[in-house]
Amino acid sequence: MSRSSKRHRCWRLTAAQNVSLLSALLFCHEEDENSTKQKYARKRSVVRRRLDWDFHGAMLVQESQFRRYYRMHFSSFEKLLQLIAPSIVCKNPARSTARTGIPPVSPANKLQLTLSWLSGGNHHHCRALAGVSVSHFYSILHDVLAAINTHAELAVVFPATLAARKKVAAGFQRISTQGVFNNVIGCIDGWLCPIKVPSRTEVGNVRSFFSGHYQRYGINIQACCDSFCRILAYSCNCPGGTGDALAFLKWQLSSVLNDLMEPFIMLGDNAYMVDFHLLTPFDKLHLGNDSRRDAFNFFLSQLRIRIEMTFGLLVNKWGVLQKPIAVEFSQVRHVVHACIRLHNFCIDERLAADPSYSVDDEVDNFVASSNVANDDFYYCETVDGDVLPKSIRPSVGEMSRSILVEKIANLNLKRPARSAPRTYARRDKDIRRTTGAI
């Protein structure tokens, strides 16, 4: 074979290889384009079946289960829906229908979804019942919470006028034995709202949100209530590791009390510093064996228990507060705000429907039927003993307590006998422990 034929054969083999190589490159390019299109292509929407609210609501009303599901009566649900519906209605229903082929979620379905989740329901069950995706569920949740927290008629209002304060004081005087405390305008306490462990990008000091008393992360919620267990004011600005005394001083309500000119008072526990407008019980050191001071503690606790009842009703009704709230840290406050507003709304509705309604009956029913342990309410009772700012006036507070002690003694009021034995037994046990007797 000549040299030229060999060169021609090699050239032909090289050309064949080039053709096969070019074909392979084109095939790979087409595969890459197809995979890229599949990667960035919009997924086909899942067609879900929306909840038939008319049938669902009517069925629950007929079975007398509506309040158990949504924590309020059907009439109250309708009133709440009427208030916030303009803020949560779908702004572009045609666009939503064009993509999914079904109508958008109605305001009633959005509200029932949110109430189900706030009541303690799992978000997967709530969204499956409503017929929405996971992302749409959280979008609806944030919209409804925003609508509740911004509506003027659902706002939490502290009695700012003299007439309003007298009305609140009259409510406490009604439940006080012989009207001993006739100038109380609120009871205050702290509650640890459990949260997930926040990240360093969400908060500056993660450790400050850990409560050593309850061994968990949370936010210190300060609240003030009236005699009907409605929350008049609250604060969510302090980490869970903050004591009640310091959290109260960071609360704007403390400044309001200092500037108060009328002789009204608030009641708190020993976690707070006694002041002219804030009275607390006598501690074990100052109580001793003085029966008159013991009587003062009893009749003060008779009213102060209202804030404990308030937290109990709040947590029992809105089960989302019983465990770490499964939302981002920035959204925790919005959930707490909505729960407090809905708490007041439900009590106002009950009072409007039945003027003789007593919150004590609801608490008794809750205690009788609930399996929730007392520790599940996570009350804050820790004190920062080294915090004693200049605004605190203990001597003036001691004077106010002494006046009330004399008033109770003059009325010949004493701690009931049914309560005295266990109280004295517990006190004697503490004394023996401190003296080394046991």
Protein backbone atom coordinates (compact mmCIF):
# COMPACT_ATOMS: atom_id res chain seq x y z
CA MET A 1 0.00 0.00 0.00
CA SER A 2 1.36 3.37 -0.97
CA ARG A 3 2.15 6.10 1.49
CA SER A 4 -0.65 8.37 0.18
CA SER A 5 -3.36 5.68 0.63
CA LYS A 6 -2.26 5.08 4.20
CA ARG A 7 -2.47 8.84 4.86
CA HIS A 8 -5.96 8.95 3.31
CA ARG A 9 -7.13 6.01 5.45
CA CYS A 10 -5.90 7.64 8.63
CA TRP A 11 -7.69 10.82 7.63
CA ARG A 12 -10.94 8.92 7.13
CA LEU A 13 -10.68 7.20 10.52
CA THR A 14 -10.03 10.53 12.19
CA ALA A 15 -13.05 12.08 10.50
CA ALA A 16 -15.28 9.21 11.71
CA GLN A 17 -14.07 9.70 15.22
CA ASN A 18 -14.72 13.41 14.98
CA VAL A 19 -18.28 12.79 13.82
CA SER A 20 -18.96 10.39 16.71
CA LEU A 21 -17.38 12.81 19.19
CA LEU A 22 -19.44 15.71 17.86
CA SER A 23 -22.60 13.62 18.11
CA ALA A 24 -21.77 12.72 21.70
CA LEU A 25 -21.21 16.39 22.58
CA LEU A 26 -24.49 17.41 21.03
CA PHE A 27 -26.31 14.66 22.93
CA CYS A 28 -24.74 15.72 26.21
CA HIS A 29 -25.67 19.34 25.52
CA GLU A 30 -29.28 18.37 24.90
CA GLU A 31 -29.28 16.32 28.12
CA ASP A 32 -27.91 19.29 30.05
CA GLU A 33 -30.57 21.59 28.62
CA ASN A 34 -33.33 19.12 29.51
CA SER A 35 -32.02 18.65 33.05
CA THR A 36 -31.70 22.41 33.49
CA LYS A 37 -35.28 22.92 32.31
CA GLN A 38 -36.50 20.20 34.66
CA LYS A 39 -34.55 21.72 37.53
CA TYR A 40 -35.95 25.20 37.15
CA ALA A 41 -39.34 24.24 35.76
CA ARG A 42 -42.28 25.09 38.00
CA LYS A 43 -43.73 22.02 39.60
CA ARG A 44 -47.22 21.04 38.68
CA SER A 45 -49.59 22.35 41.33
CA VAL A 46 -51.28 19.82 43.59
CA VAL A 47 -55.04 20.11 43.38
CA ARG A 48 -56.36 20.06 46.95
CA ARG A 49 -59.88 20.01 48.21
CA ARG A 50 -60.81 23.05 50.31
CA LEU A 51 -62.71 22.59 53.54
CA ASP A 52 -66.45 23.10 53.14
CA TRP A 53 -66.79 25.55 56.01
CA ASP A 54 -70.59 25.83 55.88
CA PHE A 55 -71.00 22.08 56.29
CA HIS A 56 -68.12 21.72 58.75
CA GLY A 57 -69.26 24.56 60.99
CA ALA A 58 -72.92 23.48 60.94
CA MET A 59 -71.93 19.91 61.85
CA LEU A 60 -69.86 21.05 64.84
CA VAL A 61 -72.65 23.33 66.06
CA GLN A 62 -75.15 20.48 65.77
CA GLU A 63 -72.81 18.18 67.73
CA SER A 64 -72.12 20.92 70.33
CA GLN A 65 -68.40 20.59 69.60
CA PHE A 66 -67.67 23.96 67.99
CA ARG A 67 -66.27 25.58 71.15
CA ARG A 68 -64.09 22.55 71.84
CA TYR A 69 -62.58 22.81 68.35
CA TYR A 70 -62.12 26.57 68.07
CA ARG A 71 -62.17 27.76 71.71
CA MET A 72 -65.16 30.03 71.20
CA HIS A 73 -68.85 29.83 70.35
CA PHE A 74 -70.01 29.98 66.76
CA SER A 75 -71.51 33.46 67.23
CA SER A 76 -68.16 34.72 68.55
CA PHE A 77 -66.37 33.13 65.59
CA GLU A 78 -68.70 34.92 63.19
CA LYS A 79 -68.13 38.24 64.97
CA LEU A 80 -64.35 37.80 64.89
CA LEU A 81 -64.50 36.86 61.23
CA GLN A 82 -66.50 39.97 60.46
CA LEU A 83 -63.85 42.12 62.15
CA ILE A 84 -60.78 40.76 60.35
CA ALA A 85 -62.23 39.46 57.05
CA PRO A 86 -61.42 42.66 55.08
CA SER A 87 -57.74 42.24 56.00
CA ILE A 88 -57.38 38.57 55.05
CA VAL A 89 -59.53 38.27 51.94
CA CYS A 90 -57.65 37.17 48.79
CA LYS A 91 -56.62 40.25 46.82
CA ASN A 92 -56.32 38.49 43.43
CA PRO A 93 -58.71 35.51 43.30
CA ALA A 94 -58.49 35.18 39.49
CA ARG A 95 -54.76 34.52 39.62
CA SER A 96 -55.12 31.90 42.34
CA THR A 97 -57.93 30.13 40.50
CA ALA A 98 -56.05 30.15 37.17
CA ARG A 99 -53.11 28.23 38.61
CA THR A 100 -54.87 25.66 40.80
CA GLY A 101 -58.27 25.47 39.15
CA ILE A 102 -60.03 25.87 42.51
CA PRO A 103 -61.22 28.99 44.36
CA PRO A 104 -58.79 30.65 46.82
CA VAL A 105 -58.98 30.00 50.56
CA SER A 106 -61.90 31.87 52.07
CA PRO A 107 -61.49 34.18 55.12
CA ALA A 108 -63.52 31.70 57.21
CA ASN A 109 -61.16 28.87 56.30
CA LYS A 110 -58.15 31.05 57.07
CA LEU A 111 -59.52 31.91 60.50
CA GLN A 112 -60.43 28.32 61.37
CA LEU A 113 -56.96 27.18 60.28
CA THR A 114 -55.30 29.75 62.55
CA LEU A 115 -57.53 29.00 65.54
CA SER A 116 -56.90 25.27 65.13
CA TRP A 117 -53.16 25.84 65.25
CA LEU A 118 -53.35 28.28 68.18
CA SER A 119 -55.45 25.72 70.06
CA GLY A 120 -52.51 23.34 69.95
CA GLY A 121 -53.12 21.47 66.69
CA ASN A 122 -50.32 20.06 64.57
CA HIS A 123 -49.66 22.27 61.56
CA HIS A 124 -49.75 19.27 59.17
CA HIS A 125 -53.22 18.27 60.38
CA CYS A 126 -54.45 21.88 60.25
CA ARG A 127 -53.22 22.48 56.70
CA ALA A 128 -54.51 19.09 55.47
CA LEU A 129 -57.97 19.87 56.83
CA ALA A 130 -57.94 23.33 55.23
CA GLY A 131 -56.51 21.98 51.95
CA VAL A 132 -53.38 24.15 51.64
CA SER A 133 -49.65 23.57 51.18
CA VAL A 134 -47.04 24.02 53.92
CA SER A 135 -45.81 27.36 52.58
CA HIS A 136 -49.36 28.61 52.10
CA PHE A 137 -50.21 27.54 55.64
CA TYR A 138 -47.55 29.82 57.17
CA SER A 139 -48.49 32.63 54.81
CA ILE A 140 -52.12 32.41 55.97
CA LEU A 141 -51.04 32.14 59.59
CA HIS A 142 -48.97 35.32 59.45
CA ASP A 143 -51.74 37.23 57.66
CA VAL A 144 -54.40 36.27 60.21
CA LEU A 145 -52.15 37.00 63.19
CA ALA A 146 -51.33 40.41 61.72
CA ALA A 147 -55.03 41.13 61.20
CA ILE A 148 -55.82 40.21 64.82
CA ASN A 149 -52.93 42.19 66.26
CA THR A 150 -53.68 45.37 64.31
CA HIS A 151 -57.46 45.58 64.73
CA ALA A 152 -58.46 48.43 67.04
CA GLU A 153 -61.45 46.65 68.59
CA LEU A 154 -59.24 43.79 69.75
CA ALA A 155 -56.59 46.00 71.36
CA VAL A 156 -55.55 45.49 74.99
CA VAL A 157 -56.43 48.70 76.83
CA PHE A 158 -55.20 49.70 80.28
CA PRO A 159 -57.67 51.89 82.26
CA ALA A 160 -56.32 55.34 81.49
CA THR A 161 -59.10 57.46 82.99
CA LEU A 162 -60.27 57.84 86.58
CA ALA A 163 -63.70 56.43 85.72
CA ALA A 164 -62.15 53.36 84.09
CA ARG A 165 -59.90 52.74 87.10
CA LYS A 166 -62.81 53.04 89.50
CA LYS A 167 -64.71 50.48 87.44
CA VAL A 168 -61.81 48.01 87.64
CA ALA A 169 -61.42 48.67 91.38
CA ALA A 170 -65.14 48.00 91.90
CA GLY A 171 -64.72 44.60 90.27
CA PHE A 172 -61.96 43.62 92.71
CA GLN A 173 -63.90 45.04 95.66
CA ARG A 174 -66.83 42.81 94.73
CA ILE A 175 -64.78 39.63 95.16
CA SER A 176 -62.82 40.86 98.19
CA THR A 177 -64.16 39.76 101.59
CA GLN A 178 -66.18 42.66 103.01
CA GLY A 179 -64.57 44.89 100.38
CA VAL A 180 -61.30 45.13 102.31
CA PHE A 181 -59.35 45.93 99.13
CA ASN A 182 -61.36 48.67 97.44
CA ASN A 183 -58.67 50.42 95.37
CA VAL A 184 -57.02 47.58 93.41
CA ILE A 185 -56.72 48.22 89.66
CA GLY A 186 -54.80 45.10 88.69
CA CYS A 187 -52.82 42.04 89.67
CA ILE A 188 -49.42 41.42 88.08
CA ASP A 189 -47.19 38.40 87.67
CA GLY A 190 -44.70 36.87 85.26
CA TRP A 191 -44.98 33.75 83.12
CA LEU A 192 -42.29 31.96 81.15
CA CYS A 193 -43.44 31.45 77.56
CA PRO A 194 -41.50 28.42 76.23
CA ILE A 195 -39.66 28.91 72.93
CA LYS A 196 -37.23 27.01 70.76
CA VAL A 197 -33.56 27.67 71.37
CA PRO A 198 -32.87 30.91 69.45
CA SER A 199 -29.84 31.16 67.21
CA ARG A 200 -27.03 33.68 67.59
CA THR A 201 -28.21 35.46 64.46
CA GLU A 202 -31.66 35.99 66.02
CA VAL A 203 -30.60 37.20 69.47
CA GLY A 204 -27.41 38.68 70.79
CA ASN A 205 -27.19 36.62 73.98
CA VAL A 206 -28.70 33.15 73.66
CA ARG A 207 -27.89 32.25 77.26
CA SER A 208 -30.05 35.10 78.60
CA PHE A 209 -33.16 33.33 77.35
CA PHE A 210 -32.48 30.24 79.47
CA SER A 211 -34.39 30.09 82.75
CA GLY A 212 -32.40 28.30 85.42
CA HIS A 213 -35.53 27.94 87.54
CA TYR A 214 -37.42 25.97 84.89
CA GLN A 215 -34.42 24.63 82.95
CA ARG A 216 -35.70 25.71 79.56
CA TYR A 217 -35.59 28.60 77.10
CA GLY A 218 -38.36 31.16 77.05
CA ILE A 219 -39.53 34.78 77.20
CA ASN A 220 -40.58 36.46 80.44
CA ILE A 221 -44.17 37.63 79.88
CA GLN A 222 -45.30 40.28 82.37
CA ALA A 223 -49.07 40.75 82.57
CA CYS A 224 -51.67 42.69 84.55
CA CYS A 225 -55.29 41.49 84.83
CA ASP A 226 -58.64 42.66 86.18
CA SER A 227 -61.17 40.77 88.32
CA PHE A 228 -62.60 39.00 85.26
CA CYS A 229 -59.12 37.68 84.30
CA ARG A 230 -58.93 39.98 81.30
CA ILE A 231 -55.41 41.13 80.54
CA LEU A 232 -55.16 44.92 80.85
CA ALA A 233 -51.47 45.26 79.96
CA TYR A 234 -48.57 42.98 79.14
CA SER A 235 -44.93 43.01 78.10
CA CYS A 236 -42.87 40.51 76.08
CA ASN A 237 -39.56 42.37 76.08
CA CYS A 238 -37.42 40.38 78.53
CA PRO A 239 -35.55 37.09 78.08
CA GLY A 240 -36.52 34.10 80.17
CA GLY A 241 -33.52 34.45 82.45
CA THR A 242 -34.70 37.87 83.67
CA GLY A 243 -36.29 38.01 87.11
CA ASP A 244 -39.77 39.45 87.60
CA ALA A 245 -38.51 42.44 89.59
CA LEU A 246 -36.19 43.59 86.81
CA ALA A 247 -38.67 42.71 84.05
CA PHE A 248 -41.32 44.85 85.75
CA LEU A 249 -38.97 47.84 85.92
CA LYS A 250 -38.30 47.53 82.20
CA TRP A 251 -42.05 47.51 81.59
CA GLN A 252 -43.71 50.83 80.78
CA LEU A 253 -46.44 50.05 83.32
CA SER A 254 -43.96 50.64 86.16
CA SER A 255 -43.55 54.24 85.00
CA VAL A 256 -47.31 54.65 84.75
CA LEU A 257 -47.70 53.54 88.38
CA ASN A 258 -44.98 55.91 89.58
CA ASP A 259 -46.76 58.83 87.92
CA LEU A 260 -50.19 57.78 89.20
CA MET A 261 -51.71 60.45 91.44
CA GLU A 262 -54.79 58.55 92.66
CA PRO A 263 -54.45 56.14 95.64
CA PHE A 264 -54.86 53.00 93.51
CA ILE A 265 -52.70 49.96 94.01
CA MET A 266 -51.67 46.76 92.25
CA LEU A 267 -51.04 43.40 93.84
CA GLY A 268 -48.10 41.09 93.16
CA ASP A 269 -46.20 38.24 94.76
CA ASN A 270 -42.90 38.35 96.62
CA ALA A 271 -40.96 38.39 93.37
CA TYR A 272 -41.67 42.15 93.23
CA MET A 273 -40.50 45.02 95.41
CA VAL A 274 -43.17 46.56 97.62
CA ASP A 275 -43.98 50.15 96.70
CA PHE A 276 -46.70 52.73 97.31
CA HIS A 277 -48.73 51.54 94.30
CA LEU A 278 -47.58 47.90 94.40
CA LEU A 279 -48.28 45.73 97.42
CA THR A 280 -46.91 42.24 98.01
CA PRO A 281 -47.47 39.69 100.81
CA PHE A 282 -45.26 39.60 103.89
CA ASP A 283 -42.42 37.16 103.38
CA LYS A 284 -41.53 34.47 105.93
CA LEU A 285 -38.95 36.69 107.59
CA HIS A 286 -41.42 39.51 108.33
CA LEU A 287 -44.46 37.30 108.87
CA GLY A 288 -43.32 35.47 111.98
CA ASN A 289 -46.22 34.46 114.21
CA ASP A 290 -48.22 37.64 113.61
CA SER A 291 -51.78 36.49 112.88
CA ARG A 292 -52.77 39.94 111.63
CA ARG A 293 -50.10 39.90 108.94
CA ASP A 294 -51.08 36.34 108.11
CA ALA A 295 -54.66 37.54 107.59
CA PHE A 296 -53.38 40.32 105.33
CA ASN A 297 -51.52 37.75 103.23
CA PHE A 298 -54.65 35.64 102.89
CA PHE A 299 -56.95 38.44 101.75
CA LEU A 300 -54.30 39.83 99.40
CA SER A 301 -53.84 36.38 97.84
CA GLN A 302 -57.61 36.15 97.50
CA LEU A 303 -57.34 38.80 94.78
CA ARG A 304 -53.82 38.14 93.52
CA ILE A 305 -54.83 34.61 92.52
CA ARG A 306 -56.67 36.23 89.59
CA ILE A 307 -53.45 36.64 87.63
CA GLU A 308 -52.61 32.97 88.22
CA MET A 309 -56.08 32.08 86.96
CA THR A 310 -55.51 34.34 83.96
CA PHE A 311 -52.34 32.53 82.93
CA GLY A 312 -54.02 29.18 83.51
CA LEU A 313 -56.97 30.07 81.28
CA LEU A 314 -54.70 31.56 78.63
CA VAL A 315 -52.43 28.53 78.40
CA ASN A 316 -55.23 25.99 78.63
CA LYS A 317 -57.30 27.66 75.91
CA TRP A 318 -54.45 28.28 73.47
CA GLY A 319 -52.44 25.09 73.56
CA VAL A 320 -49.71 26.48 71.31
CA LEU A 321 -48.36 28.16 74.47
CA GLN A 322 -47.97 24.87 76.34
CA LYS A 323 -44.87 23.84 74.40
CA PRO A 324 -42.05 25.70 72.63
CA ILE A 325 -43.72 27.75 69.89
CA ALA A 326 -42.73 26.29 66.53
CA VAL A 327 -42.10 29.56 64.69
CA GLU A 328 -39.11 31.79 64.11
CA PHE A 329 -38.04 33.85 67.10
CA SER A 330 -39.14 37.09 65.43
CA GLN A 331 -42.69 35.69 65.15
CA VAL A 332 -43.05 34.48 68.75
CA ARG A 333 -44.25 37.84 70.01
CA HIS A 334 -46.92 38.01 67.30
CA VAL A 335 -48.28 34.63 68.43
CA VAL A 336 -48.35 35.74 72.08
CA HIS A 337 -50.02 39.05 71.19
CA ALA A 338 -52.75 37.26 69.22
CA CYS A 339 -53.40 34.74 72.01
CA ILE A 340 -53.78 37.52 74.58
CA ARG A 341 -56.14 39.50 72.36
CA LEU A 342 -58.24 36.42 71.66
CA HIS A 343 -58.25 35.60 75.38
CA ASN A 344 -59.81 38.98 76.17
CA PHE A 345 -62.19 38.70 73.21
CA CYS A 346 -63.56 35.36 74.45
CA ILE A 347 -64.13 36.68 77.98
CA ASP A 348 -65.87 39.80 76.66
CA GLU A 349 -68.12 37.62 74.51
CA ARG A 350 -69.02 35.42 77.46
CA LEU A 351 -69.84 38.47 79.60
CA ALA A 352 -71.95 39.98 76.82
CA ALA A 353 -73.92 36.76 76.37
CA ASP A 354 -74.33 36.08 80.09
CA PRO A 355 -73.85 39.00 82.52
CA SER A 356 -73.89 36.54 85.44
CA TYR A 357 -70.94 34.63 83.97
CA SER A 358 -68.18 34.00 86.49
CA VAL A 359 -64.69 33.07 85.46
CA ASP A 360 -64.44 30.98 88.66
CA ASP A 361 -66.82 28.40 87.18
CA GLU A 362 -64.63 28.05 84.09
CA VAL A 363 -61.52 27.64 86.23
CA ASP A 364 -63.23 25.02 88.39
CA ASN A 365 -64.27 23.07 85.30
CA PHE A 366 -60.74 23.32 83.93
CA VAL A 367 -59.16 22.05 87.15
CA ALA A 368 -61.65 19.19 87.39
CA SER A 369 -61.23 18.03 83.78
CA SER A 370 -57.59 18.86 83.03
CA ASN A 371 -54.66 16.49 83.28
CA VAL A 372 -52.12 19.30 82.89
CA ALA A 373 -49.66 19.47 85.75
CA ASN A 374 -49.07 22.73 87.58
CA ASP A 375 -45.47 22.80 86.35
CA ASP A 376 -46.72 23.01 82.76
CA PHE A 377 -47.69 26.65 83.27
CA TYR A 378 -44.09 27.75 83.93
CA TYR A 379 -44.74 30.66 86.27
CA CYS A 380 -41.79 33.01 86.78
CA GLU A 381 -41.07 33.64 90.47
CA THR A 382 -37.35 34.32 90.41
CA VAL A 383 -36.02 37.52 91.92
CA ASP A 384 -32.91 39.54 91.24
CA GLY A 385 -32.19 40.56 94.82
CA ASP A 386 -29.49 43.06 93.91
CA VAL A 387 -31.84 45.14 91.78
CA LEU A 388 -33.30 47.99 93.81
CA PRO A 389 -33.61 51.15 91.71
CA LYS A 390 -34.27 54.58 93.10
CA SER A 391 -37.87 54.56 91.83
CA ILE A 392 -38.76 51.86 94.38
CA ARG A 393 -40.05 53.26 97.69
CA PRO A 394 -40.17 50.33 100.15
CA SER A 395 -40.82 52.49 103.21
CA VAL A 396 -43.95 54.02 101.63
CA GLY A 397 -45.13 50.56 100.61
CA GLU A 398 -44.62 49.26 104.13
CA MET A 399 -46.78 52.11 105.39
CA SER A 400 -49.57 51.16 102.97
CA ARG A 401 -49.41 47.53 104.07
CA SER A 402 -49.53 48.54 107.74
CA ILE A 403 -52.69 50.57 107.13
CA LEU A 404 -54.39 47.62 105.50
CA VAL A 405 -53.26 45.27 108.29
CA GLU A 406 -54.95 47.56 110.82
CA LYS A 407 -58.08 47.78 108.67
CA ILE A 408 -58.37 44.00 108.45
CA ALA A 409 -57.77 43.65 112.20
CA ASN A 410 -60.45 46.24 113.00
CA LEU A 411 -62.94 44.28 110.93
CA ASN A 412 -62.00 41.18 112.95
CA LEU A 413 -61.14 39.27 109.79
CA LYS A 414 -58.83 36.26 110.03
CA ARG A 415 -57.59 33.52 107.80
CA PRO A 416 -60.31 30.83 107.50
CA ALA A 417 -59.78 27.82 109.73
CA ARG A 418 -59.83 25.41 106.76
CA SER A 419 -56.78 27.17 105.33
CA ALA A 420 -54.86 27.78 108.54
CA PRO A 421 -53.66 24.25 109.46
CA ARG A 422 -51.72 23.51 106.29
CA THR A 423 -50.40 27.07 106.15
CA TYR A 424 -49.08 26.95 109.70
CA ALA A 425 -47.75 23.41 109.24
CA ARG A 426 -45.79 24.48 106.16
CA ARG A 427 -44.47 27.54 107.98
CA ASP A 428 -43.42 25.51 111.05
CA LYS A 429 -41.67 23.02 108.79
CA ASP A 430 -39.72 25.85 107.14
CA ILE A 431 -38.75 27.23 110.56
CA ARG A 432 -37.54 23.84 111.76
CA ARG A 433 -35.54 23.40 108.55
CA THR A 434 -33.81 26.78 108.93
CA THR A 435 -33.00 26.12 112.60
CA GLY A 436 -31.61 22.68 111.84
CA ALA A 437 -34.34 20.83 113.71
CA ILE A 438 -34.98 18.59 110.69
